C-alpha cells in the first residue's frame, strides 16, 4: 500500500467518498484518514456537503453549503457566524395568504352571481298591485 500526503488525500477525498477509487488507493486514503485528524475532519465536512439535504429550499441549501464550505476552509478562524435556516415570516405565510385571497375572490364572485338581476326583472322592483289602482294584465282562467 502506498502512503499518501495531505494534498493527495485532499484531492482524492471526493472520489473516495463516491467509491470511485481502486482498492489500493481507497485503502491508502482510509489509512491516512485514520492517522490524520485534519484529513478526517475534511472528509467529514465533505461528506456533509455532498449528502442530500431534504426539507430545505434551494436557496437555503445553497446558503448552508456556502456556510459549511467557508467554515471548513478556515476563513472564519474562531468566529463562526450563525446562519438562520428559517425563512422570513412573509415567505412562510405566502401560501396561506394566497389561498385566503383566492377564497375571498371566489366568495365575492359567488355573491355577485346570487344577487344579479334575473332575466325579465328590471331593477328588482315589484310589479304594481291592484290595491294601488294599477291594472293587471294577467290572463283569466275560466272556472
N, C-alpha and C. Protein backbone atom coordinates (compact mmCIF):
# COMPACT_ATOMS: atom_id res chain seq x y z
N UNK A 1 0.85 -1.17 0.00
CA UNK A 1 0.00 0.00 0.00
C UNK A 1 0.89 1.24 0.00
N UNK A 2 0.53 2.20 -0.83
CA UNK A 2 1.33 3.42 -0.92
C UNK A 2 0.86 4.45 0.10
N UNK A 3 1.78 5.22 0.63
CA UNK A 3 1.46 6.27 1.60
C UNK A 3 1.11 7.55 0.84
N UNK A 4 0.12 8.26 1.32
CA UNK A 4 -0.33 9.50 0.68
C UNK A 4 -0.14 10.67 1.64
N UNK A 5 0.18 11.85 1.08
CA UNK A 5 0.30 13.05 1.91
C UNK A 5 -1.03 13.81 1.93
N UNK A 6 -1.07 14.90 2.69
CA UNK A 6 -2.31 15.67 2.86
C UNK A 6 -2.89 16.15 1.53
N UNK A 7 -2.09 16.72 0.68
CA UNK A 7 -2.62 17.28 -0.57
C UNK A 7 -3.17 16.18 -1.48
N UNK A 8 -2.51 15.03 -1.52
CA UNK A 8 -3.00 13.93 -2.35
C UNK A 8 -4.34 13.41 -1.81
N UNK A 9 -4.44 13.25 -0.49
CA UNK A 9 -5.69 12.78 0.10
C UNK A 9 -6.79 13.79 -0.13
N UNK A 10 -6.47 15.06 0.01
CA UNK A 10 -7.47 16.12 -0.20
C UNK A 10 -8.02 16.07 -1.63
N UNK A 11 -7.15 15.82 -2.58
CA UNK A 11 -7.58 15.73 -3.98
C UNK A 11 -8.43 14.49 -4.25
N UNK A 12 -8.19 13.43 -3.50
CA UNK A 12 -8.88 12.16 -3.74
C UNK A 12 -10.15 11.97 -2.91
N UNK A 13 -10.39 12.84 -1.93
CA UNK A 13 -11.49 12.62 -1.00
C UNK A 13 -12.86 12.51 -1.66
N UNK A 14 -13.15 13.37 -2.60
CA UNK A 14 -14.47 13.33 -3.24
C UNK A 14 -14.69 12.00 -3.96
N UNK A 15 -13.68 11.55 -4.68
CA UNK A 15 -13.80 10.26 -5.38
C UNK A 15 -13.82 9.11 -4.39
N UNK A 16 -13.09 9.24 -3.27
CA UNK A 16 -13.10 8.22 -2.23
C UNK A 16 -14.50 8.07 -1.62
N UNK A 17 -15.14 9.19 -1.30
CA UNK A 17 -16.48 9.18 -0.72
C UNK A 17 -17.47 8.57 -1.70
N UNK A 18 -17.34 8.88 -2.98
CA UNK A 18 -18.25 8.36 -4.01
C UNK A 18 -17.96 6.89 -4.33
N UNK A 19 -16.82 6.38 -3.87
CA UNK A 19 -16.47 4.99 -4.13
C UNK A 19 -15.88 4.76 -5.51
N UNK A 20 -15.24 5.77 -6.06
CA UNK A 20 -14.69 5.68 -7.41
C UNK A 20 -13.18 5.48 -7.44
N UNK A 21 -12.60 5.02 -6.34
CA UNK A 21 -11.16 4.75 -6.32
C UNK A 21 -10.92 3.25 -6.37
N UNK A 22 -9.76 2.87 -6.93
CA UNK A 22 -9.42 1.44 -6.91
C UNK A 22 -9.14 1.04 -5.45
N UNK A 23 -9.10 -0.26 -5.19
CA UNK A 23 -8.98 -0.77 -3.83
C UNK A 23 -7.71 -0.29 -3.12
N UNK A 24 -6.59 -0.30 -3.83
CA UNK A 24 -5.32 0.09 -3.22
C UNK A 24 -5.33 1.57 -2.82
N UNK A 25 -5.79 2.44 -3.71
CA UNK A 25 -5.81 3.88 -3.42
C UNK A 25 -6.84 4.18 -2.33
N UNK A 26 -7.99 3.51 -2.39
CA UNK A 26 -9.01 3.70 -1.36
C UNK A 26 -8.48 3.30 0.02
N UNK A 27 -7.74 2.20 0.09
CA UNK A 27 -7.17 1.75 1.35
C UNK A 27 -6.12 2.74 1.86
N UNK A 28 -5.36 3.32 0.94
CA UNK A 28 -4.35 4.32 1.33
C UNK A 28 -5.01 5.58 1.90
N UNK A 29 -6.10 6.03 1.27
CA UNK A 29 -6.83 7.20 1.78
C UNK A 29 -7.41 6.89 3.15
N UNK A 30 -8.00 5.72 3.32
CA UNK A 30 -8.59 5.33 4.60
C UNK A 30 -7.52 5.26 5.69
N UNK A 31 -6.36 4.71 5.36
CA UNK A 31 -5.27 4.61 6.34
C UNK A 31 -4.79 6.00 6.75
N UNK A 32 -4.66 6.90 5.78
CA UNK A 32 -4.22 8.26 6.09
C UNK A 32 -5.27 8.96 6.96
N UNK A 33 -6.55 8.76 6.65
CA UNK A 33 -7.63 9.39 7.43
C UNK A 33 -7.62 8.92 8.88
N UNK A 34 -7.32 7.63 9.09
CA UNK A 34 -7.28 7.12 10.47
C UNK A 34 -6.16 7.79 11.27
N UNK A 35 -5.07 8.12 10.61
CA UNK A 35 -3.92 8.69 11.31
C UNK A 35 -3.93 10.22 11.36
N UNK A 36 -4.71 10.87 10.49
CA UNK A 36 -4.64 12.32 10.35
C UNK A 36 -5.97 12.98 10.72
N UNK A 37 -5.98 13.70 11.82
CA UNK A 37 -7.20 14.37 12.29
C UNK A 37 -7.67 15.41 11.29
N UNK A 38 -6.76 16.16 10.71
CA UNK A 38 -7.13 17.22 9.76
C UNK A 38 -7.84 16.62 8.53
N UNK A 39 -7.32 15.56 7.97
CA UNK A 39 -7.95 14.94 6.80
C UNK A 39 -9.27 14.27 7.16
N UNK A 40 -9.35 13.72 8.37
CA UNK A 40 -10.61 13.11 8.81
C UNK A 40 -11.70 14.18 8.95
N UNK A 41 -11.31 15.36 9.47
CA UNK A 41 -12.25 16.47 9.58
C UNK A 41 -12.68 16.95 8.19
N UNK A 42 -11.74 17.01 7.27
CA UNK A 42 -12.07 17.43 5.90
C UNK A 42 -13.01 16.42 5.24
N UNK A 43 -12.78 15.13 5.47
CA UNK A 43 -13.67 14.11 4.91
C UNK A 43 -15.08 14.23 5.49
N UNK A 44 -15.17 14.45 6.80
CA UNK A 44 -16.49 14.61 7.43
C UNK A 44 -17.22 15.81 6.84
N UNK A 45 -16.52 16.91 6.69
CA UNK A 45 -17.13 18.11 6.11
C UNK A 45 -17.56 17.90 4.67
N UNK A 46 -16.72 17.22 3.91
CA UNK A 46 -17.04 16.96 2.50
C UNK A 46 -18.23 16.02 2.39
N UNK A 47 -18.31 15.03 3.27
CA UNK A 47 -19.49 14.14 3.27
C UNK A 47 -20.76 14.94 3.56
N UNK A 48 -20.66 15.91 4.46
CA UNK A 48 -21.81 16.76 4.77
C UNK A 48 -22.23 17.59 3.56
N UNK A 49 -21.24 18.10 2.84
CA UNK A 49 -21.54 18.92 1.66
C UNK A 49 -22.15 18.10 0.53
N UNK A 50 -21.72 16.85 0.40
CA UNK A 50 -22.18 16.02 -0.71
C UNK A 50 -23.47 15.28 -0.39
N UNK A 51 -23.83 15.21 0.88
CA UNK A 51 -25.05 14.49 1.27
C UNK A 51 -26.29 15.26 0.82
N UNK A 52 -27.33 14.54 0.41
CA UNK A 52 -28.57 15.23 0.03
C UNK A 52 -29.21 15.88 1.26
N UNK A 53 -29.75 17.06 1.06
CA UNK A 53 -30.39 17.79 2.15
C UNK A 53 -31.86 17.94 1.78
N UNK A 54 -32.72 17.22 2.50
CA UNK A 54 -34.15 17.26 2.22
C UNK A 54 -34.82 18.27 3.14
N UNK A 55 -35.95 18.80 2.69
CA UNK A 55 -36.73 19.70 3.52
C UNK A 55 -36.28 21.15 3.46
N UNK A 56 -35.29 21.46 2.66
CA UNK A 56 -34.84 22.84 2.53
C UNK A 56 -35.11 23.34 1.12
N UNK A 57 -35.31 24.64 1.00
CA UNK A 57 -35.49 25.22 -0.32
C UNK A 57 -34.12 25.30 -1.00
N UNK A 58 -34.08 25.48 -2.31
CA UNK A 58 -32.78 25.58 -2.99
C UNK A 58 -31.92 26.72 -2.45
N UNK A 59 -32.51 27.86 -2.12
CA UNK A 59 -31.70 28.97 -1.59
C UNK A 59 -31.16 28.63 -0.20
N UNK A 60 -31.96 27.94 0.62
CA UNK A 60 -31.48 27.53 1.94
C UNK A 60 -30.36 26.51 1.82
N UNK A 61 -30.50 25.56 0.89
CA UNK A 61 -29.43 24.59 0.66
C UNK A 61 -28.14 25.29 0.25
N UNK A 62 -28.28 26.26 -0.64
CA UNK A 62 -27.11 26.99 -1.12
C UNK A 62 -26.43 27.74 0.01
N UNK A 63 -27.22 28.42 0.85
CA UNK A 63 -26.65 29.15 1.98
C UNK A 63 -25.97 28.22 2.96
N UNK A 64 -26.57 27.06 3.20
CA UNK A 64 -25.99 26.09 4.12
C UNK A 64 -24.67 25.56 3.59
N UNK A 65 -24.66 25.19 2.32
CA UNK A 65 -23.42 24.65 1.74
C UNK A 65 -22.32 25.70 1.69
N UNK A 66 -22.68 26.94 1.39
CA UNK A 66 -21.70 28.02 1.37
C UNK A 66 -21.13 28.23 2.77
N UNK A 67 -22.01 28.21 3.78
CA UNK A 67 -21.55 28.37 5.17
C UNK A 67 -20.64 27.24 5.60
N UNK A 68 -20.99 26.01 5.22
CA UNK A 68 -20.13 24.87 5.56
C UNK A 68 -18.79 24.95 4.84
N UNK A 69 -18.83 25.30 3.57
CA UNK A 69 -17.58 25.40 2.81
C UNK A 69 -16.68 26.48 3.40
N UNK A 70 -17.27 27.61 3.78
CA UNK A 70 -16.48 28.69 4.38
C UNK A 70 -15.89 28.26 5.71
N UNK A 71 -16.70 27.59 6.53
CA UNK A 71 -16.21 27.14 7.83
C UNK A 71 -15.11 26.10 7.68
N UNK A 72 -15.26 25.21 6.71
CA UNK A 72 -14.24 24.17 6.51
C UNK A 72 -12.96 24.72 5.91
N UNK A 73 -13.08 25.79 5.15
CA UNK A 73 -11.86 26.34 4.53
C UNK A 73 -11.04 27.14 5.54
N UNK A 74 -11.61 27.41 6.71
CA UNK A 74 -10.85 28.09 7.74
C UNK A 74 -10.90 29.60 7.63
N UNK A 75 -11.78 30.14 6.80
CA UNK A 75 -11.84 31.58 6.63
C UNK A 75 -12.41 32.28 7.85
N UNK A 76 -13.20 31.61 8.65
CA UNK A 76 -13.81 32.26 9.81
C UNK A 76 -12.92 32.17 11.05
N UNK A 77 -11.99 31.24 11.12
CA UNK A 77 -10.99 31.11 12.18
C UNK A 77 -11.47 31.57 13.55
N UNK A 78 -12.36 30.82 14.16
CA UNK A 78 -12.76 31.09 15.53
C UNK A 78 -14.03 31.91 15.67
N UNK A 79 -14.40 32.69 14.70
CA UNK A 79 -15.62 33.49 14.82
C UNK A 79 -16.65 32.95 13.84
N UNK A 80 -17.30 31.90 14.23
CA UNK A 80 -18.28 31.27 13.36
C UNK A 80 -19.57 32.09 13.35
N UNK A 81 -20.06 32.37 12.18
CA UNK A 81 -21.31 33.11 12.03
C UNK A 81 -22.46 32.11 12.03
N UNK A 82 -23.47 32.39 12.80
CA UNK A 82 -24.63 31.53 12.85
C UNK A 82 -25.57 31.94 11.73
N UNK A 83 -25.90 30.99 10.88
CA UNK A 83 -26.79 31.26 9.75
C UNK A 83 -28.15 30.67 10.07
N UNK A 84 -29.16 31.51 10.02
CA UNK A 84 -30.52 31.04 10.29
C UNK A 84 -31.08 30.40 9.03
N UNK A 85 -31.59 29.18 9.17
CA UNK A 85 -32.19 28.49 8.04
C UNK A 85 -33.70 28.72 7.99
N UNK A 86 -34.23 29.43 8.94
CA UNK A 86 -35.66 29.69 8.96
C UNK A 86 -35.99 30.80 7.98
N UNK A 87 -37.02 30.56 7.17
CA UNK A 87 -37.42 31.55 6.18
C UNK A 87 -38.12 32.72 6.86
N UNK A 88 -38.08 33.91 6.26
CA UNK A 88 -38.78 35.06 6.83
C UNK A 88 -40.27 34.78 6.95
N UNK A 89 -40.92 35.50 7.87
CA UNK A 89 -42.33 35.28 8.17
C UNK A 89 -43.20 35.41 6.93
N UNK A 90 -42.99 36.44 6.13
CA UNK A 90 -43.82 36.63 4.94
C UNK A 90 -43.66 35.48 3.96
N UNK A 91 -42.47 34.95 3.84
CA UNK A 91 -42.24 33.82 2.93
C UNK A 91 -42.95 32.56 3.44
N UNK A 92 -43.01 32.38 4.76
CA UNK A 92 -43.71 31.22 5.31
C UNK A 92 -45.22 31.37 5.21
N UNK A 93 -45.71 32.62 5.27
CA UNK A 93 -47.16 32.85 5.22
C UNK A 93 -47.69 32.99 3.80
N UNK A 94 -46.81 33.15 2.82
CA UNK A 94 -47.25 33.40 1.45
C UNK A 94 -48.24 32.36 0.93
N UNK A 95 -48.04 31.06 1.09
CA UNK A 95 -49.03 30.11 0.59
C UNK A 95 -50.41 30.29 1.24
N UNK A 96 -50.43 30.52 2.55
CA UNK A 96 -51.71 30.70 3.25
C UNK A 96 -52.39 31.99 2.82
N UNK A 97 -51.60 33.07 2.66
CA UNK A 97 -52.18 34.33 2.22
C UNK A 97 -52.73 34.23 0.80
N UNK A 98 -52.03 33.51 -0.05
CA UNK A 98 -52.51 33.31 -1.42
C UNK A 98 -53.82 32.53 -1.43
N UNK A 99 -53.91 31.50 -0.60
CA UNK A 99 -55.15 30.71 -0.53
C UNK A 99 -56.29 31.56 0.02
N UNK A 100 -56.03 32.40 1.01
CA UNK A 100 -57.07 33.26 1.57
C UNK A 100 -57.55 34.27 0.53
N UNK A 101 -56.64 34.83 -0.25
CA UNK A 101 -57.03 35.78 -1.29
C UNK A 101 -57.88 35.10 -2.35
N UNK A 102 -57.50 33.89 -2.74
CA UNK A 102 -58.28 33.15 -3.73
C UNK A 102 -59.67 32.84 -3.20
N UNK A 103 -59.76 32.45 -1.95
CA UNK A 103 -61.06 32.17 -1.34
C UNK A 103 -61.93 33.42 -1.30
N UNK A 104 -61.34 34.57 -0.98
CA UNK A 104 -62.10 35.82 -0.95
C UNK A 104 -62.63 36.16 -2.34
N UNK A 105 -61.83 35.95 -3.36
CA UNK A 105 -62.26 36.24 -4.74
C UNK A 105 -63.42 35.33 -5.12
N UNK A 106 -63.34 34.06 -4.77
CA UNK A 106 -64.42 33.11 -5.09
C UNK A 106 -65.70 33.49 -4.37
N UNK A 107 -65.60 33.86 -3.08
CA UNK A 107 -66.78 34.24 -2.31
C UNK A 107 -67.44 35.47 -2.90
N UNK A 108 -66.67 36.48 -3.25
CA UNK A 108 -67.22 37.71 -3.84
C UNK A 108 -67.86 37.39 -5.18
N UNK A 109 -67.23 36.57 -5.99
CA UNK A 109 -67.80 36.22 -7.30
C UNK A 109 -69.11 35.47 -7.13
N UNK A 110 -69.19 34.54 -6.20
CA UNK A 110 -70.44 33.81 -5.96
C UNK A 110 -71.52 34.72 -5.41
N UNK A 111 -71.17 35.65 -4.56
CA UNK A 111 -72.14 36.59 -4.00
C UNK A 111 -72.71 37.48 -5.10
N UNK A 112 -71.89 37.91 -6.02
CA UNK A 112 -72.37 38.76 -7.12
C UNK A 112 -73.28 37.96 -8.04
N UNK A 113 -73.03 36.69 -8.22
CA UNK A 113 -73.90 35.86 -9.06
C UNK A 113 -75.26 35.67 -8.41
N UNK A 114 -75.31 35.51 -7.09
CA UNK A 114 -76.57 35.30 -6.38
C UNK A 114 -77.46 36.54 -6.40
N UNK A 115 -76.88 37.73 -6.39
CA UNK A 115 -77.65 38.96 -6.31
C UNK A 115 -77.80 39.66 -7.66
N UNK A 116 -77.38 39.05 -8.72
CA UNK A 116 -77.53 39.64 -10.05
C UNK A 116 -78.99 39.59 -10.45
N UNK A 117 -79.51 40.63 -11.15
CA UNK A 117 -80.92 40.62 -11.56
C UNK A 117 -81.19 39.46 -12.49
N UNK A 118 -82.36 38.84 -12.31
CA UNK A 118 -82.77 37.74 -13.17
C UNK A 118 -83.27 38.30 -14.49
N UNK A 119 -83.31 37.49 -15.53
CA UNK A 119 -83.79 37.97 -16.82
C UNK A 119 -85.27 38.32 -16.71
N UNK A 120 -85.65 39.48 -17.24
CA UNK A 120 -87.02 39.95 -17.18
C UNK A 120 -87.29 40.77 -15.93
N UNK A 121 -86.38 40.77 -15.00
CA UNK A 121 -86.53 41.53 -13.77
C UNK A 121 -85.69 42.78 -13.90
N UNK A 122 -86.32 43.96 -13.96
CA UNK A 122 -85.60 45.21 -14.22
C UNK A 122 -84.62 45.54 -13.10
N UNK A 123 -85.13 46.09 -12.07
CA UNK A 123 -84.26 46.55 -11.00
C UNK A 123 -84.56 45.88 -9.69
N UNK A 124 -85.32 44.84 -9.76
CA UNK A 124 -85.67 44.16 -8.53
C UNK A 124 -86.93 44.75 -7.91
N UNK A 125 -87.56 45.79 -8.55
CA UNK A 125 -88.78 46.40 -8.00
C UNK A 125 -89.95 45.48 -8.26
N UNK A 126 -90.90 45.48 -7.36
CA UNK A 126 -92.06 44.61 -7.52
C UNK A 126 -93.05 45.23 -8.50
N UNK A 127 -93.86 44.39 -9.11
CA UNK A 127 -94.85 44.85 -10.07
C UNK A 127 -95.97 45.58 -9.33
N UNK A 128 -96.62 46.56 -9.99
CA UNK A 128 -97.69 47.30 -9.31
C UNK A 128 -98.84 46.36 -8.99
N UNK A 129 -99.48 46.59 -7.87
CA UNK A 129 -100.59 45.73 -7.44
C UNK A 129 -101.92 46.42 -7.71
N UNK A 130 -103.01 45.64 -7.64
CA UNK A 130 -104.35 46.16 -7.88
C UNK A 130 -104.76 47.10 -6.76
N UNK A 131 -104.16 46.95 -5.61
CA UNK A 131 -104.50 47.81 -4.49
C UNK A 131 -104.09 49.24 -4.76
N UNK A 132 -103.05 49.46 -5.55
CA UNK A 132 -102.58 50.80 -5.84
C UNK A 132 -103.35 51.44 -6.98
N UNK A 133 -104.29 50.76 -7.52
CA UNK A 133 -105.09 51.31 -8.61
C UNK A 133 -104.55 50.97 -9.97
N UNK A 134 -103.52 50.15 -10.06
CA UNK A 134 -102.96 49.81 -11.35
C UNK A 134 -103.71 48.62 -11.91
N UNK A 135 -103.75 48.53 -13.22
CA UNK A 135 -104.45 47.45 -13.89
C UNK A 135 -103.48 46.34 -14.19
N UNK A 136 -103.87 45.11 -13.86
CA UNK A 136 -103.01 43.98 -14.13
C UNK A 136 -103.44 43.32 -15.44
N UNK A 137 -102.48 42.85 -16.21
CA UNK A 137 -102.74 42.18 -17.47
C UNK A 137 -102.62 40.68 -17.32
N UNK A 138 -103.08 40.15 -16.23
CA UNK A 138 -102.95 38.71 -16.00
C UNK A 138 -104.04 38.00 -16.76
N UNK A 139 -103.72 36.86 -17.35
CA UNK A 139 -104.76 36.09 -18.08
C UNK A 139 -105.77 35.52 -17.09
N UNK A 140 -107.01 35.44 -17.55
CA UNK A 140 -108.08 34.91 -16.70
C UNK A 140 -108.36 33.48 -17.09
N UNK A 141 -108.61 32.70 -16.12
CA UNK A 141 -108.88 31.29 -16.34
C UNK A 141 -110.36 31.06 -16.05
N UNK A 142 -111.02 30.35 -16.94
CA UNK A 142 -112.46 30.06 -16.77
C UNK A 142 -112.64 28.98 -15.71
N UNK A 143 -113.72 29.11 -14.91
CA UNK A 143 -113.93 28.13 -13.86
C UNK A 143 -114.44 26.83 -14.35
